[in-house]
Amino acid sequence: LLDEGRGARVVLQKGQKSSPDVTTGDCCAIVYLKDGATCHVYTESNPTVDGALAILQMPAGSEVSEIRYRTDQSVEVRAPGGIKTVRRPKQADWLHEADGWRREVAPAGRASDSQRL
């Protein structure tokens, strides 16, 4: 994030819950970006309930409302309407939530195969 030329202010925290939907997790830092986004960083030993180590919350009006980086290396992207997309590199797939969950597997160099879950 900072490599893209954005400025940021970092506030160190000590065991503070920082997001209304987080019921556990030790927030150790909050990064405030110039564009209005905030990133809450959690300790690896005590992440959030869903395993997030970092939650990037985008400013209002963005195409994406939130990005969650998890301990299993998956990344969840939430749209303002509540639709989620999860990229799971260990399983080499994507999960899309629209009318139920849909799984896409994309082998290297080939078009993706899609299946409903």
N, C-alpha and C. Protein backbone atom coordinates (compact mmCIF):
# COMPACT_ATOMS: atom_id res chain seq x y z
N LEU A 1 0.81 -1.20 0.00
CA LEU A 1 0.00 0.00 0.00
C LEU A 1 0.85 1.25 0.00
N LEU A 2 1.86 1.27 0.81
CA LEU A 2 2.67 2.47 0.90
C LEU A 2 3.59 2.62 -0.31
N ASP A 3 3.86 1.50 -1.04
CA ASP A 3 4.70 1.57 -2.23
C ASP A 3 4.02 2.30 -3.37
N GLU A 4 2.70 2.44 -3.31
CA GLU A 4 1.96 3.10 -4.37
C GLU A 4 1.91 4.61 -4.19
N GLY A 5 2.70 5.14 -3.30
CA GLY A 5 2.78 6.58 -3.13
C GLY A 5 1.72 7.17 -2.21
N ARG A 6 1.01 6.33 -1.49
CA ARG A 6 0.03 6.83 -0.54
C ARG A 6 0.72 7.19 0.76
N GLY A 7 0.24 8.21 1.40
CA GLY A 7 0.74 8.55 2.72
C GLY A 7 -0.09 7.83 3.77
N ALA A 8 0.48 7.58 4.93
CA ALA A 8 -0.25 6.88 5.97
C ALA A 8 0.24 7.31 7.34
N ARG A 9 -0.66 7.19 8.31
CA ARG A 9 -0.33 7.42 9.71
C ARG A 9 -0.62 6.11 10.43
N VAL A 10 0.31 5.63 11.23
CA VAL A 10 0.15 4.36 11.93
C VAL A 10 -0.03 4.63 13.42
N VAL A 11 -1.07 4.02 13.99
CA VAL A 11 -1.33 4.13 15.42
C VAL A 11 -1.19 2.74 16.00
N LEU A 12 -0.28 2.58 16.95
CA LEU A 12 -0.08 1.28 17.59
C LEU A 12 -1.14 1.09 18.66
N GLN A 13 -1.70 -0.10 18.72
CA GLN A 13 -2.74 -0.44 19.67
C GLN A 13 -2.24 -1.55 20.58
N LYS A 14 -2.92 -1.77 21.66
CA LYS A 14 -2.59 -2.88 22.54
C LYS A 14 -3.88 -3.62 22.90
N GLY A 15 -4.14 -4.74 22.20
CA GLY A 15 -5.28 -5.58 22.53
C GLY A 15 -6.63 -4.90 22.44
N GLN A 16 -6.82 -4.07 21.42
CA GLN A 16 -8.08 -3.34 21.29
C GLN A 16 -8.90 -3.88 20.12
N LYS A 17 -10.17 -4.10 20.33
CA LYS A 17 -11.06 -4.50 19.24
C LYS A 17 -11.40 -3.24 18.47
N SER A 18 -11.28 -3.31 17.14
CA SER A 18 -11.40 -2.07 16.39
C SER A 18 -12.47 -2.07 15.33
N SER A 19 -13.17 -3.16 15.13
CA SER A 19 -14.19 -3.21 14.10
C SER A 19 -15.47 -3.75 14.73
N PRO A 20 -16.64 -3.17 14.41
CA PRO A 20 -17.86 -3.60 15.07
C PRO A 20 -18.24 -5.06 14.83
N ASP A 21 -17.78 -5.68 13.72
CA ASP A 21 -18.15 -7.07 13.45
C ASP A 21 -17.10 -8.05 13.95
N VAL A 22 -16.09 -7.58 14.63
CA VAL A 22 -15.02 -8.45 15.14
C VAL A 22 -15.30 -8.73 16.61
N THR A 23 -15.45 -10.01 16.97
CA THR A 23 -15.75 -10.35 18.36
C THR A 23 -14.52 -10.82 19.12
N THR A 24 -13.43 -10.99 18.42
CA THR A 24 -12.18 -11.36 19.07
C THR A 24 -11.04 -10.84 18.21
N GLY A 25 -9.86 -10.98 18.68
CA GLY A 25 -8.69 -10.53 17.93
C GLY A 25 -8.01 -9.38 18.63
N ASP A 26 -6.69 -9.43 18.68
CA ASP A 26 -5.92 -8.35 19.28
C ASP A 26 -5.43 -7.43 18.18
N CYS A 27 -5.99 -6.24 18.12
CA CYS A 27 -5.57 -5.25 17.13
C CYS A 27 -4.27 -4.62 17.63
N CYS A 28 -3.20 -4.76 16.86
CA CYS A 28 -1.92 -4.22 17.31
C CYS A 28 -1.56 -2.92 16.61
N ALA A 29 -2.25 -2.60 15.49
CA ALA A 29 -1.99 -1.34 14.80
C ALA A 29 -3.15 -0.99 13.89
N ILE A 30 -3.36 0.30 13.73
CA ILE A 30 -4.32 0.80 12.75
C ILE A 30 -3.56 1.75 11.83
N VAL A 31 -3.68 1.51 10.53
CA VAL A 31 -3.01 2.36 9.53
C VAL A 31 -4.10 3.22 8.89
N TYR A 32 -3.93 4.54 8.97
CA TYR A 32 -4.86 5.48 8.35
C TYR A 32 -4.23 5.99 7.06
N LEU A 33 -4.85 5.69 5.92
CA LEU A 33 -4.32 6.13 4.63
C LEU A 33 -4.93 7.47 4.24
N LYS A 34 -4.21 8.24 3.42
CA LYS A 34 -4.67 9.57 3.03
C LYS A 34 -6.00 9.56 2.30
N ASP A 35 -6.30 8.47 1.57
CA ASP A 35 -7.55 8.42 0.81
C ASP A 35 -8.77 8.11 1.68
N GLY A 36 -8.57 7.95 3.00
CA GLY A 36 -9.67 7.67 3.91
C GLY A 36 -9.80 6.21 4.29
N ALA A 37 -9.04 5.34 3.65
CA ALA A 37 -9.07 3.91 4.00
C ALA A 37 -8.33 3.70 5.32
N THR A 38 -8.74 2.65 6.04
CA THR A 38 -8.03 2.26 7.26
C THR A 38 -7.73 0.78 7.20
N CYS A 39 -6.61 0.39 7.76
CA CYS A 39 -6.24 -1.03 7.81
C CYS A 39 -5.98 -1.39 9.26
N HIS A 40 -6.77 -2.33 9.77
CA HIS A 40 -6.61 -2.82 11.13
C HIS A 40 -5.76 -4.08 11.07
N VAL A 41 -4.66 -4.11 11.80
CA VAL A 41 -3.71 -5.22 11.78
C VAL A 41 -3.81 -5.97 13.11
N TYR A 42 -3.93 -7.31 13.01
CA TYR A 42 -4.10 -8.15 14.19
C TYR A 42 -2.90 -9.05 14.39
N THR A 43 -2.71 -9.50 15.63
CA THR A 43 -1.60 -10.39 15.93
C THR A 43 -1.86 -11.77 15.34
N GLU A 44 -0.80 -12.42 14.91
CA GLU A 44 -0.94 -13.76 14.33
C GLU A 44 -1.40 -14.77 15.38
N SER A 45 -1.06 -14.53 16.62
CA SER A 45 -1.46 -15.46 17.68
C SER A 45 -2.93 -15.29 18.09
N ASN A 46 -3.55 -14.15 17.74
CA ASN A 46 -4.95 -13.93 18.09
C ASN A 46 -5.63 -13.09 17.00
N PRO A 47 -5.89 -13.71 15.84
CA PRO A 47 -6.56 -12.98 14.76
C PRO A 47 -8.05 -12.82 15.05
N THR A 48 -8.81 -12.28 14.10
CA THR A 48 -10.25 -12.13 14.26
C THR A 48 -10.93 -13.50 14.19
N VAL A 49 -12.23 -13.55 14.42
CA VAL A 49 -12.99 -14.80 14.42
C VAL A 49 -12.84 -15.55 13.11
N ASP A 50 -12.82 -14.84 11.98
CA ASP A 50 -12.71 -15.51 10.68
C ASP A 50 -11.25 -15.69 10.24
N GLY A 51 -10.30 -15.44 11.13
CA GLY A 51 -8.89 -15.67 10.82
C GLY A 51 -8.20 -14.51 10.13
N ALA A 52 -8.81 -13.33 10.13
CA ALA A 52 -8.19 -12.18 9.45
C ALA A 52 -7.03 -11.62 10.27
N LEU A 53 -5.92 -11.41 9.58
CA LEU A 53 -4.76 -10.75 10.18
C LEU A 53 -4.76 -9.26 9.89
N ALA A 54 -5.42 -8.87 8.80
CA ALA A 54 -5.53 -7.46 8.43
C ALA A 54 -6.86 -7.24 7.74
N ILE A 55 -7.51 -6.13 8.08
CA ILE A 55 -8.78 -5.76 7.46
C ILE A 55 -8.63 -4.35 6.92
N LEU A 56 -8.67 -4.24 5.59
CA LEU A 56 -8.58 -2.94 4.92
C LEU A 56 -9.99 -2.47 4.64
N GLN A 57 -10.40 -1.38 5.28
CA GLN A 57 -11.73 -0.81 5.09
C GLN A 57 -11.61 0.41 4.19
N MET A 58 -12.30 0.36 3.05
CA MET A 58 -12.20 1.41 2.05
C MET A 58 -13.17 2.55 2.37
N PRO A 59 -12.87 3.77 1.87
CA PRO A 59 -13.77 4.89 2.11
C PRO A 59 -15.10 4.70 1.37
N ALA A 60 -16.13 5.38 1.84
CA ALA A 60 -17.46 5.30 1.21
C ALA A 60 -17.37 5.68 -0.26
N GLY A 61 -18.15 5.00 -1.09
CA GLY A 61 -18.16 5.29 -2.52
C GLY A 61 -17.19 4.46 -3.32
N SER A 62 -16.39 3.64 -2.67
CA SER A 62 -15.43 2.77 -3.37
C SER A 62 -16.15 1.56 -3.95
N GLU A 63 -15.56 0.96 -5.00
CA GLU A 63 -16.13 -0.27 -5.58
C GLU A 63 -16.05 -1.43 -4.61
N VAL A 64 -15.09 -1.39 -3.72
CA VAL A 64 -14.87 -2.43 -2.71
C VAL A 64 -15.04 -1.79 -1.35
N SER A 65 -15.78 -2.44 -0.44
CA SER A 65 -15.95 -1.86 0.89
C SER A 65 -14.90 -2.35 1.87
N GLU A 66 -14.44 -3.61 1.69
CA GLU A 66 -13.51 -4.18 2.66
C GLU A 66 -12.72 -5.32 2.04
N ILE A 67 -11.47 -5.44 2.45
CA ILE A 67 -10.62 -6.56 2.05
C ILE A 67 -10.06 -7.17 3.32
N ARG A 68 -10.21 -8.51 3.46
CA ARG A 68 -9.75 -9.22 4.64
C ARG A 68 -8.63 -10.18 4.24
N TYR A 69 -7.47 -10.04 4.86
CA TYR A 69 -6.31 -10.91 4.61
C TYR A 69 -6.25 -11.90 5.77
N ARG A 70 -6.36 -13.21 5.45
CA ARG A 70 -6.50 -14.23 6.49
C ARG A 70 -5.23 -15.05 6.73
N THR A 71 -5.22 -15.76 7.86
CA THR A 71 -4.07 -16.57 8.26
C THR A 71 -3.80 -17.70 7.28
N ASP A 72 -4.83 -18.20 6.57
CA ASP A 72 -4.63 -19.29 5.61
C ASP A 72 -4.20 -18.77 4.24
N GLN A 73 -3.84 -17.50 4.15
CA GLN A 73 -3.39 -16.81 2.94
C GLN A 73 -4.53 -16.49 1.98
N SER A 74 -5.78 -16.74 2.37
CA SER A 74 -6.89 -16.36 1.51
C SER A 74 -7.17 -14.87 1.68
N VAL A 75 -7.80 -14.30 0.66
CA VAL A 75 -8.15 -12.89 0.66
C VAL A 75 -9.63 -12.78 0.31
N GLU A 76 -10.41 -12.13 1.18
CA GLU A 76 -11.83 -11.93 0.93
C GLU A 76 -12.08 -10.47 0.57
N VAL A 77 -12.77 -10.26 -0.54
CA VAL A 77 -13.12 -8.91 -0.99
C VAL A 77 -14.62 -8.77 -0.85
N ARG A 78 -15.05 -7.72 -0.15
CA ARG A 78 -16.48 -7.47 0.05
C ARG A 78 -16.89 -6.23 -0.73
N ALA A 79 -17.97 -6.35 -1.49
CA ALA A 79 -18.52 -5.23 -2.23
C ALA A 79 -19.51 -4.49 -1.33
N PRO A 80 -19.80 -3.21 -1.63
CA PRO A 80 -20.74 -2.46 -0.80
C PRO A 80 -22.11 -3.13 -0.64
N GLY A 81 -22.57 -3.88 -1.62
CA GLY A 81 -23.85 -4.57 -1.53
C GLY A 81 -23.81 -5.83 -0.69
N GLY A 82 -22.64 -6.20 -0.17
CA GLY A 82 -22.50 -7.38 0.67
C GLY A 82 -22.02 -8.62 -0.05
N ILE A 83 -21.88 -8.57 -1.39
CA ILE A 83 -21.40 -9.74 -2.13
C ILE A 83 -19.90 -9.93 -1.87
N LYS A 84 -19.50 -11.19 -1.69
CA LYS A 84 -18.12 -11.51 -1.34
C LYS A 84 -17.46 -12.35 -2.44
N THR A 85 -16.16 -12.14 -2.60
CA THR A 85 -15.31 -12.98 -3.43
C THR A 85 -14.11 -13.37 -2.58
N VAL A 86 -13.79 -14.66 -2.56
CA VAL A 86 -12.66 -15.15 -1.76
C VAL A 86 -11.67 -15.83 -2.69
N ARG A 87 -10.42 -15.38 -2.64
CA ARG A 87 -9.35 -16.03 -3.38
C ARG A 87 -8.58 -16.91 -2.40
N ARG A 88 -8.47 -18.21 -2.72
CA ARG A 88 -7.79 -19.16 -1.85
C ARG A 88 -6.59 -19.73 -2.60
N PRO A 89 -5.40 -19.15 -2.43
CA PRO A 89 -4.24 -19.62 -3.20
C PRO A 89 -3.83 -21.05 -2.90
N LYS A 90 -4.00 -21.53 -1.68
CA LYS A 90 -3.62 -22.91 -1.35
C LYS A 90 -4.48 -23.92 -2.10
N GLN A 91 -5.75 -23.58 -2.37
CA GLN A 91 -6.64 -24.46 -3.13
C GLN A 91 -6.65 -24.09 -4.61
N ALA A 92 -5.96 -23.02 -4.99
CA ALA A 92 -5.89 -22.53 -6.37
C ALA A 92 -7.29 -22.29 -6.95
N ASP A 93 -8.13 -21.61 -6.14
CA ASP A 93 -9.48 -21.33 -6.64
C ASP A 93 -9.99 -19.98 -6.13
N TRP A 94 -11.15 -19.61 -6.64
CA TRP A 94 -11.88 -18.42 -6.24
C TRP A 94 -13.28 -18.87 -5.84
N LEU A 95 -13.86 -18.24 -4.82
CA LEU A 95 -15.25 -18.47 -4.46
C LEU A 95 -15.99 -17.15 -4.68
N HIS A 96 -17.13 -17.21 -5.37
CA HIS A 96 -17.94 -16.03 -5.64
C HIS A 96 -19.31 -16.22 -5.01
N GLU A 97 -19.75 -15.23 -4.26
CA GLU A 97 -21.08 -15.29 -3.65
C GLU A 97 -22.00 -14.38 -4.47
N ALA A 98 -22.94 -14.95 -5.13
CA ALA A 98 -23.95 -14.17 -5.87
C ALA A 98 -25.28 -14.81 -5.54
N ASP A 99 -25.74 -15.73 -6.36
CA ASP A 99 -26.93 -16.53 -6.07
C ASP A 99 -26.44 -17.86 -5.51
N GLY A 100 -25.92 -17.85 -4.32
CA GLY A 100 -25.25 -19.01 -3.75
C GLY A 100 -23.77 -18.90 -4.07
N TRP A 101 -22.98 -19.77 -3.51
CA TRP A 101 -21.53 -19.73 -3.75
C TRP A 101 -21.19 -20.46 -5.04
N ARG A 102 -20.29 -19.89 -5.84
CA ARG A 102 -19.79 -20.53 -7.05
C ARG A 102 -18.27 -20.63 -6.92
N ARG A 103 -17.72 -21.78 -7.28
CA ARG A 103 -16.28 -22.01 -7.19
C ARG A 103 -15.68 -22.01 -8.58
N GLU A 104 -14.56 -21.29 -8.76
CA GLU A 104 -13.83 -21.29 -10.02
C GLU A 104 -12.42 -21.78 -9.77
N VAL A 105 -11.98 -22.70 -10.59
CA VAL A 105 -10.62 -23.22 -10.52
C VAL A 105 -9.92 -22.78 -11.79
N ALA A 106 -8.77 -22.14 -11.64
CA ALA A 106 -8.06 -21.63 -12.81
C ALA A 106 -6.64 -22.19 -12.85
N PRO A 107 -6.44 -23.32 -13.55
CA PRO A 107 -5.08 -23.85 -13.70
C PRO A 107 -4.20 -22.84 -14.43
N ALA A 108 -2.93 -22.85 -14.16
CA ALA A 108 -2.01 -21.89 -14.75
C ALA A 108 -2.07 -21.93 -16.27
N GLY A 109 -2.30 -20.75 -16.87
CA GLY A 109 -2.28 -20.63 -18.32
C GLY A 109 -3.52 -21.10 -19.04
N ARG A 110 -4.60 -21.45 -18.29
CA ARG A 110 -5.82 -21.93 -18.95
C ARG A 110 -7.02 -21.16 -18.43
N ALA A 111 -8.08 -21.14 -19.20
CA ALA A 111 -9.32 -20.50 -18.78
C ALA A 111 -9.88 -21.24 -17.58
N SER A 112 -10.68 -20.54 -16.78
CA SER A 112 -11.19 -21.16 -15.56
C SER A 112 -12.38 -22.07 -15.81
N ASP A 113 -12.48 -23.11 -15.01
CA ASP A 113 -13.64 -23.98 -14.99
C ASP A 113 -14.49 -23.51 -13.84
N SER A 114 -15.80 -23.51 -14.00
CA SER A 114 -16.68 -22.98 -12.98
C SER A 114 -17.67 -24.06 -12.54
N GLN A 115 -17.99 -24.08 -11.22
CA GLN A 115 -18.99 -25.00 -10.72
C GLN A 115 -19.71 -24.35 -9.54
N ARG A 116 -20.98 -24.65 -9.40
CA ARG A 116 -21.79 -24.15 -8.28
C ARG A 116 -21.56 -25.05 -7.07
N LEU A 117 -21.52 -24.43 -5.90
CA LEU A 117 -21.39 -25.20 -4.66
C LEU A 117 -22.74 -25.39 -4.03
